[in-house]
Structures are given as structure tokens and as C-alpha cells.
Amino acid sequence: MQTSKLYTPKEVSALTGVSPPAIRSYTSRYARFFSPSATPDPGQSRQYTEADVKLTAFIAHSTKERALTHEQIEQELSIGALEQFERPLLETTPPAAPEAAASESSAVSVPDTQLQAMQALLQAAQHREQELQAEITRLQQELNQAQHALAIYQGQRRSQWWTRLFGGREVR
């Protein structure tokens, strides 16, 4: 009898590209589709089967790539859509020799593709952050100018009030 490997949430995250908090959320939301080891009693650690890893990848793919709602995903899972889902095979064993890795380029290209996509998202987020910082700086300068103009206006109004009240004489 051969037992299948069980995965920790961190390993599932590395295999699927799904963050550990999202994995926890998926496990709670779709508990009826996960194995008992993935949904243990409180106080016990979660352990995921290969089927759980595939389910996690399916949910992530369905929400991100296909933009399905959780209700739609549950419907698909109920009618057996997971069986037709071909999850990209990610390495679960130590890396092979370089010549073997070259012959298995499809297994290596998926993580590279995911990495490139994540890098592109990170660069886009950093660019947006820079744009927002520039906008904040511009708005702060605008606010400073408006406050300065207000101070000048208030000073002029005070001076006009002083002149009207005391006829231009300075009282000491």
C-alpha cells in the first residue's frame, strides 16, 4: 500500500501560486470539496492531498483567469468540472539535472510564466504607486499655495477692517 504525499499550506502555495490566506479562505469556503486532512478539527494542522492541490489550482484559475464567482465555481465543482481540469504539473521533487530539465521545458515554463506575470504585476503596482506619490506631492503643493493665498487674503481683510475701524491709525 502506497500512501500519497501530504502538503503543508506553504507547499500548496508554492505549487499553485495561491497565497496562504487565500488557501485558508478556499479551504473554508469549499470545505465539502476538500479532503478531511485539509479541513481538520480546530487545533490540528492542515495537510493537503494532491487532489486538494488540484482543487486549489482550479479555484484560483476559475476566479482569476475565468472571472467566475464562488457560486459558479461551486456549481462547476458539483457537476464534476474538476475531473476535466488539467492543472499544470509543477515540480514536487528536487530539481533534475540540467540536461533533464531542458527536455522537460513545459514543466519549467509554468513557474517561469507565473513568475513573469507576478513580476509584471509588481512593476505595474510600483509604477502606480509612483504615480500616486507624485499626485500626492502635487496636491500637497496646491494645498500649500491655497493656504498661503488664504493667509494673504485674511491679512488683507484684517488690514481693511483695522483701517475702517480706526481710520488708518495704529493704536498702541
C-alpha atoms as a PDB file:
ATOM      1  CA  MET A   1       0.000   0.000   0.000  1.00  0.00           C
ATOM      2  CA  GLN A   2       1.482   3.318  -1.085  1.00  0.00           C
ATOM      3  CA  THR A   3       0.479   6.483   0.728  1.00  0.00           C
ATOM      4  CA  SER A   4       0.331   9.709  -1.202  1.00  0.00           C
ATOM      5  CA  LYS A   5       2.296  12.733  -0.097  1.00  0.00           C
ATOM      6  CA  LEU A   6       0.577  15.328   2.044  1.00  0.00           C
ATOM      7  CA  TYR A   7       1.398  19.002   1.554  1.00  0.00           C
ATOM      8  CA  THR A   8       1.564  21.889   4.011  1.00  0.00           C
ATOM      9  CA  PRO A   9      -0.231  25.153   3.184  1.00  0.00           C
ATOM     10  CA  LYS A  10       3.173  26.683   2.377  1.00  0.00           C
ATOM     11  CA  GLU A  11       3.919  23.880  -0.095  1.00  0.00           C
ATOM     12  CA  VAL A  12       0.463  24.246  -1.670  1.00  0.00           C
ATOM     13  CA  SER A  13       1.156  27.960  -2.033  1.00  0.00           C
ATOM     14  CA  ALA A  14       4.473  27.254  -3.767  1.00  0.00           C
ATOM     15  CA  LEU A  15       2.857  24.698  -6.072  1.00  0.00           C
ATOM     16  CA  THR A  16      -0.167  26.778  -7.060  1.00  0.00           C
ATOM     17  CA  GLY A  17       0.920  30.386  -6.673  1.00  0.00           C
ATOM     18  CA  VAL A  18      -2.001  30.977  -4.293  1.00  0.00           C
ATOM     19  CA  SER A  19      -1.245  32.867  -1.082  1.00  0.00           C
ATOM     20  CA  PRO A  20      -1.642  31.017   2.243  1.00  0.00           C
ATOM     21  CA  PRO A  21      -4.502  33.331   3.354  1.00  0.00           C
ATOM     22  CA  ALA A  22      -6.327  32.612   0.083  1.00  0.00           C
ATOM     23  CA  ILE A  23      -5.741  28.876   0.568  1.00  0.00           C
ATOM     24  CA  ARG A  24      -7.292  29.129   4.053  1.00  0.00           C
ATOM     25  CA  SER A  25     -10.221  31.027   2.588  1.00  0.00           C
ATOM     26  CA  TYR A  26     -10.700  28.472  -0.214  1.00  0.00           C
ATOM     27  CA  THR A  27     -10.493  25.605   2.278  1.00  0.00           C
ATOM     28  CA  SER A  28     -13.211  27.164   4.427  1.00  0.00           C
ATOM     29  CA  ARG A  29     -15.429  28.222   1.522  1.00  0.00           C
ATOM     30  CA  TYR A  30     -15.164  24.920  -0.362  1.00  0.00           C
ATOM     31  CA  ALA A  31     -14.761  22.614   2.673  1.00  0.00           C
ATOM     32  CA  ARG A  32     -17.099  19.973   1.268  1.00  0.00           C
ATOM     33  CA  PHE A  33     -14.808  19.503  -1.742  1.00  0.00           C
ATOM     34  CA  PHE A  34     -11.543  19.287   0.236  1.00  0.00           C
ATOM     35  CA  SER A  35     -10.213  16.177   1.969  1.00  0.00           C
ATOM     36  CA  PRO A  36     -10.704  15.706   5.715  1.00  0.00           C
ATOM     37  CA  SER A  37      -6.979  16.331   6.287  1.00  0.00           C
ATOM     38  CA  ALA A  38      -7.326  19.767   4.673  1.00  0.00           C
ATOM     39  CA  THR A  39     -10.251  20.623   6.937  1.00  0.00           C
ATOM     40  CA  PRO A  40      -9.204  19.204  10.315  1.00  0.00           C
ATOM     41  CA  ASP A  41     -10.690  19.886  13.712  1.00  0.00           C
ATOM     42  CA  PRO A  42      -9.590  23.119  15.432  1.00  0.00           C
ATOM     43  CA  GLY A  43      -6.050  22.946  16.768  1.00  0.00           C
ATOM     44  CA  GLN A  44      -4.841  20.427  14.180  1.00  0.00           C
ATOM     45  CA  SER A  45      -2.642  21.417  11.263  1.00  0.00           C
ATOM     46  CA  ARG A  46      -3.945  21.337   7.718  1.00  0.00           C
ATOM     47  CA  GLN A  47      -2.455  18.800   5.326  1.00  0.00           C
ATOM     48  CA  TYR A  48      -3.404  18.779   1.665  1.00  0.00           C
ATOM     49  CA  THR A  49      -3.555  15.840  -0.722  1.00  0.00           C
ATOM     50  CA  GLU A  50      -2.627  16.032  -4.399  1.00  0.00           C
ATOM     51  CA  ALA A  51      -6.368  16.281  -5.121  1.00  0.00           C
ATOM     52  CA  ASP A  52      -6.575  19.251  -2.722  1.00  0.00           C
ATOM     53  CA  VAL A  53      -3.684  20.922  -4.566  1.00  0.00           C
ATOM     54  CA  LYS A  54      -5.514  20.402  -7.860  1.00  0.00           C
ATOM     55  CA  LEU A  55      -8.725  21.783  -6.323  1.00  0.00           C
ATOM     56  CA  THR A  56      -6.873  24.858  -5.053  1.00  0.00           C
ATOM     57  CA  ALA A  57      -5.370  25.446  -8.511  1.00  0.00           C
ATOM     58  CA  PHE A  58      -8.829  25.014 -10.093  1.00  0.00           C
ATOM     59  CA  ILE A  59     -10.420  27.557  -7.761  1.00  0.00           C
ATOM     60  CA  ALA A  60      -7.606  30.067  -8.315  1.00  0.00           C
ATOM     61  CA  HIS A  61      -7.751  29.566 -12.095  1.00  0.00           C
ATOM     62  CA  SER A  62     -11.527  29.908 -12.097  1.00  0.00           C
ATOM     63  CA  THR A  63     -11.520  33.149 -10.098  1.00  0.00           C
ATOM     64  CA  LYS A  64      -8.515  34.808 -11.716  1.00  0.00           C
ATOM     65  CA  GLU A  65      -8.457  33.589 -15.306  1.00  0.00           C
ATOM     66  CA  ARG A  66     -12.137  32.880 -15.892  1.00  0.00           C
ATOM     67  CA  ALA A  67     -13.559  35.527 -13.512  1.00  0.00           C
ATOM     68  CA  LEU A  68     -16.151  33.144 -12.109  1.00  0.00           C
ATOM     69  CA  THR A  69     -17.995  33.869  -8.890  1.00  0.00           C
ATOM     70  CA  HIS A  70     -17.686  31.478  -5.962  1.00  0.00           C
ATOM     71  CA  GLU A  71     -21.250  30.339  -6.571  1.00  0.00           C
ATOM     72  CA  GLN A  72     -20.413  29.495 -10.202  1.00  0.00           C
ATOM     73  CA  ILE A  73     -17.305  27.608  -9.107  1.00  0.00           C
ATOM     74  CA  GLU A  74     -19.333  25.600  -6.590  1.00  0.00           C
ATOM     75  CA  GLN A  75     -21.804  24.731  -9.355  1.00  0.00           C
ATOM     76  CA  GLU A  76     -18.981  23.575 -11.624  1.00  0.00           C
ATOM     77  CA  LEU A  77     -17.432  21.504  -8.859  1.00  0.00           C
ATOM     78  CA  SER A  78     -20.820  19.922  -8.145  1.00  0.00           C
ATOM     79  CA  ILE A  79     -21.141  18.734 -11.739  1.00  0.00           C
ATOM     80  CA  GLY A  80     -17.592  17.331 -11.863  1.00  0.00           C
ATOM     81  CA  ALA A  81     -15.663  20.061 -13.677  1.00  0.00           C
ATOM     82  CA  LEU A  82     -12.583  19.332 -11.563  1.00  0.00           C
ATOM     83  CA  GLU A  83     -12.052  15.988 -13.332  1.00  0.00           C
ATOM     84  CA  GLN A  84     -11.616  17.780 -16.677  1.00  0.00           C
ATOM     85  CA  PHE A  85      -9.302  20.423 -15.233  1.00  0.00           C
ATOM     86  CA  GLU A  86      -5.715  19.906 -16.363  1.00  0.00           C
ATOM     87  CA  ARG A  87      -3.567  21.567 -13.757  1.00  0.00           C
ATOM     88  CA  PRO A  88      -0.066  22.367 -14.965  1.00  0.00           C
ATOM     89  CA  LEU A  89       2.368  19.920 -13.456  1.00  0.00           C
ATOM     90  CA  LEU A  90       4.724  21.697 -11.142  1.00  0.00           C
ATOM     91  CA  GLU A  91       7.815  20.051  -9.771  1.00  0.00           C
ATOM     92  CA  THR A  92       7.205  18.406  -6.419  1.00  0.00           C
ATOM     93  CA  THR A  93      10.585  16.705  -6.316  1.00  0.00           C
ATOM     94  CA  PRO A  94      14.091  18.167  -6.182  1.00  0.00           C
ATOM     95  CA  PRO A  95      15.189  19.735  -9.494  1.00  0.00           C
ATOM     96  CA  ALA A  96      16.549  17.308 -12.083  1.00  0.00           C
ATOM     97  CA  ALA A  97      19.918  17.572 -13.761  1.00  0.00           C
ATOM     98  CA  PRO A  98      20.234  20.479 -16.252  1.00  0.00           C
ATOM     99  CA  GLU A  99      20.025  18.195 -19.301  1.00  0.00           C
ATOM    100  CA  ALA A 100      16.852  16.561 -17.955  1.00  0.00           C
ATOM    101  CA  ALA A 101      15.388  19.973 -17.163  1.00  0.00           C
ATOM    102  CA  ALA A 102      15.891  21.074 -20.761  1.00  0.00           C
ATOM    103  CA  SER A 103      13.869  18.108 -22.028  1.00  0.00           C
ATOM    104  CA  GLU A 104      11.044  18.936 -19.613  1.00  0.00           C
ATOM    105  CA  SER A 105      10.654  22.587 -20.619  1.00  0.00           C
ATOM    106  CA  SER A 106       6.869  22.510 -20.247  1.00  0.00           C
ATOM    107  CA  ALA A 107       7.151  21.727 -16.512  1.00  0.00           C
ATOM    108  CA  VAL A 108       9.617  24.579 -16.024  1.00  0.00           C
ATOM    109  CA  SER A 109       7.801  27.135 -18.197  1.00  0.00           C
ATOM    110  CA  VAL A 110       4.731  27.276 -15.979  1.00  0.00           C
ATOM    111  CA  PRO A 111       6.579  28.599 -12.915  1.00  0.00           C
ATOM    112  CA  ASP A 112       8.559  30.974 -15.165  1.00  0.00           C
ATOM    113  CA  THR A 113       5.329  32.232 -16.683  1.00  0.00           C
ATOM    114  CA  GLN A 114       3.791  32.694 -13.257  1.00  0.00           C
ATOM    115  CA  LEU A 115       6.925  34.445 -12.057  1.00  0.00           C
ATOM    116  CA  GLN A 116       6.947  36.758 -15.062  1.00  0.00           C
ATOM    117  CA  ALA A 117       3.271  37.539 -14.578  1.00  0.00           C
ATOM    118  CA  MET A 118       3.819  38.315 -10.912  1.00  0.00           C
ATOM    119  CA  GLN A 119       6.828  40.490 -11.765  1.00  0.00           C
ATOM    120  CA  ALA A 120       4.750  42.378 -14.330  1.00  0.00           C
ATOM    121  CA  LEU A 121       2.009  42.897 -11.750  1.00  0.00           C
ATOM    122  CA  LEU A 122       4.564  44.069  -9.202  1.00  0.00           C
ATOM    123  CA  GLN A 123       6.100  46.512 -11.691  1.00  0.00           C
ATOM    124  CA  ALA A 124       2.662  47.845 -12.603  1.00  0.00           C
ATOM    125  CA  ALA A 125       1.810  48.274  -8.918  1.00  0.00           C
ATOM    126  CA  GLN A 126       5.114  50.044  -8.258  1.00  0.00           C
ATOM    127  CA  HIS A 127       4.537  52.329 -11.241  1.00  0.00           C
ATOM    128  CA  ARG A 128       1.032  53.122  -9.996  1.00  0.00           C
ATOM    129  CA  GLU A 129       2.424  53.793  -6.520  1.00  0.00           C
ATOM    130  CA  GLN A 130       4.930  56.260  -8.012  1.00  0.00           C
ATOM    131  CA  GLU A 131       2.139  57.976  -9.933  1.00  0.00           C
ATOM    132  CA  LEU A 132       0.058  58.241  -6.775  1.00  0.00           C
ATOM    133  CA  GLN A 133       3.021  59.604  -4.786  1.00  0.00           C
ATOM    134  CA  ALA A 134       3.560  62.253  -7.493  1.00  0.00           C
ATOM    135  CA  GLU A 135      -0.148  63.129  -7.337  1.00  0.00           C
ATOM    136  CA  ILE A 136       0.019  63.412  -3.531  1.00  0.00           C
ATOM    137  CA  THR A 137       3.046  65.716  -3.811  1.00  0.00           C
ATOM    138  CA  ARG A 138       1.268  67.874  -6.413  1.00  0.00           C
ATOM    139  CA  LEU A 139      -1.862  68.102  -4.251  1.00  0.00           C
ATOM    140  CA  GLN A 140       0.200  68.994  -1.174  1.00  0.00           C
ATOM    141  CA  GLN A 141       1.878  71.812  -3.131  1.00  0.00           C
ATOM    142  CA  GLU A 142      -1.514  73.008  -4.318  1.00  0.00           C
ATOM    143  CA  LEU A 143      -2.813  72.940  -0.746  1.00  0.00           C
ATOM    144  CA  ASN A 144       0.209  74.909   0.491  1.00  0.00           C
ATOM    145  CA  GLN A 145      -0.350  77.527  -2.205  1.00  0.00           C
ATOM    146  CA  ALA A 146      -4.031  77.787  -1.331  1.00  0.00           C
ATOM    147  CA  GLN A 147      -3.238  78.109   2.391  1.00  0.00           C
ATOM    148  CA  HIS A 148      -0.666  80.820   1.599  1.00  0.00           C
ATOM    149  CA  ALA A 149      -3.180  82.687  -0.584  1.00  0.00           C
ATOM    150  CA  LEU A 150      -5.760  82.400   2.186  1.00  0.00           C
ATOM    151  CA  ALA A 151      -3.324  83.786   4.751  1.00  0.00           C
ATOM    152  CA  ILE A 152      -2.586  86.762   2.476  1.00  0.00           C
ATOM    153  CA  TYR A 153      -6.296  87.336   1.892  1.00  0.00           C
ATOM    154  CA  GLN A 154      -7.061  87.131   5.604  1.00  0.00           C
ATOM    155  CA  GLY A 155      -4.209  89.559   6.309  1.00  0.00           C
ATOM    156  CA  GLN A 156      -5.589  91.996   3.770  1.00  0.00           C
ATOM    157  CA  ARG A 157      -9.092  91.708   5.196  1.00  0.00           C
ATOM    158  CA  ARG A 158      -7.749  92.314   8.699  1.00  0.00           C
ATOM    159  CA  SER A 159      -5.862  95.333   7.457  1.00  0.00           C
ATOM    160  CA  GLN A 160      -9.003  96.693   5.764  1.00  0.00           C
ATOM    161  CA  TRP A 161     -11.003  96.071   8.930  1.00  0.00           C
ATOM    162  CA  TRP A 162      -8.335  97.801  11.012  1.00  0.00           C
ATOM    163  CA  THR A 163      -8.338 100.784   8.657  1.00  0.00           C
ATOM    164  CA  ARG A 164     -12.124 101.101   8.723  1.00  0.00           C
ATOM    165  CA  LEU A 165     -12.309 100.706  12.467  1.00  0.00           C
ATOM    166  CA  PHE A 166      -9.501 103.042  13.456  1.00  0.00           C
ATOM    167  CA  GLY A 167      -9.179 105.239  10.379  1.00  0.00           C
ATOM    168  CA  GLY A 168      -5.737 104.017   9.462  1.00  0.00           C
ATOM    169  CA  ARG A 169      -4.165 104.891  12.781  1.00  0.00           C
ATOM    170  CA  GLU A 170      -2.217 102.268  14.598  1.00  0.00           C
ATOM    171  CA  VAL A 171      -3.231 102.050  18.227  1.00  0.00           C
ATOM    172  CA  ARG A 172      -0.681 101.090  20.838  1.00  0.00           C
END
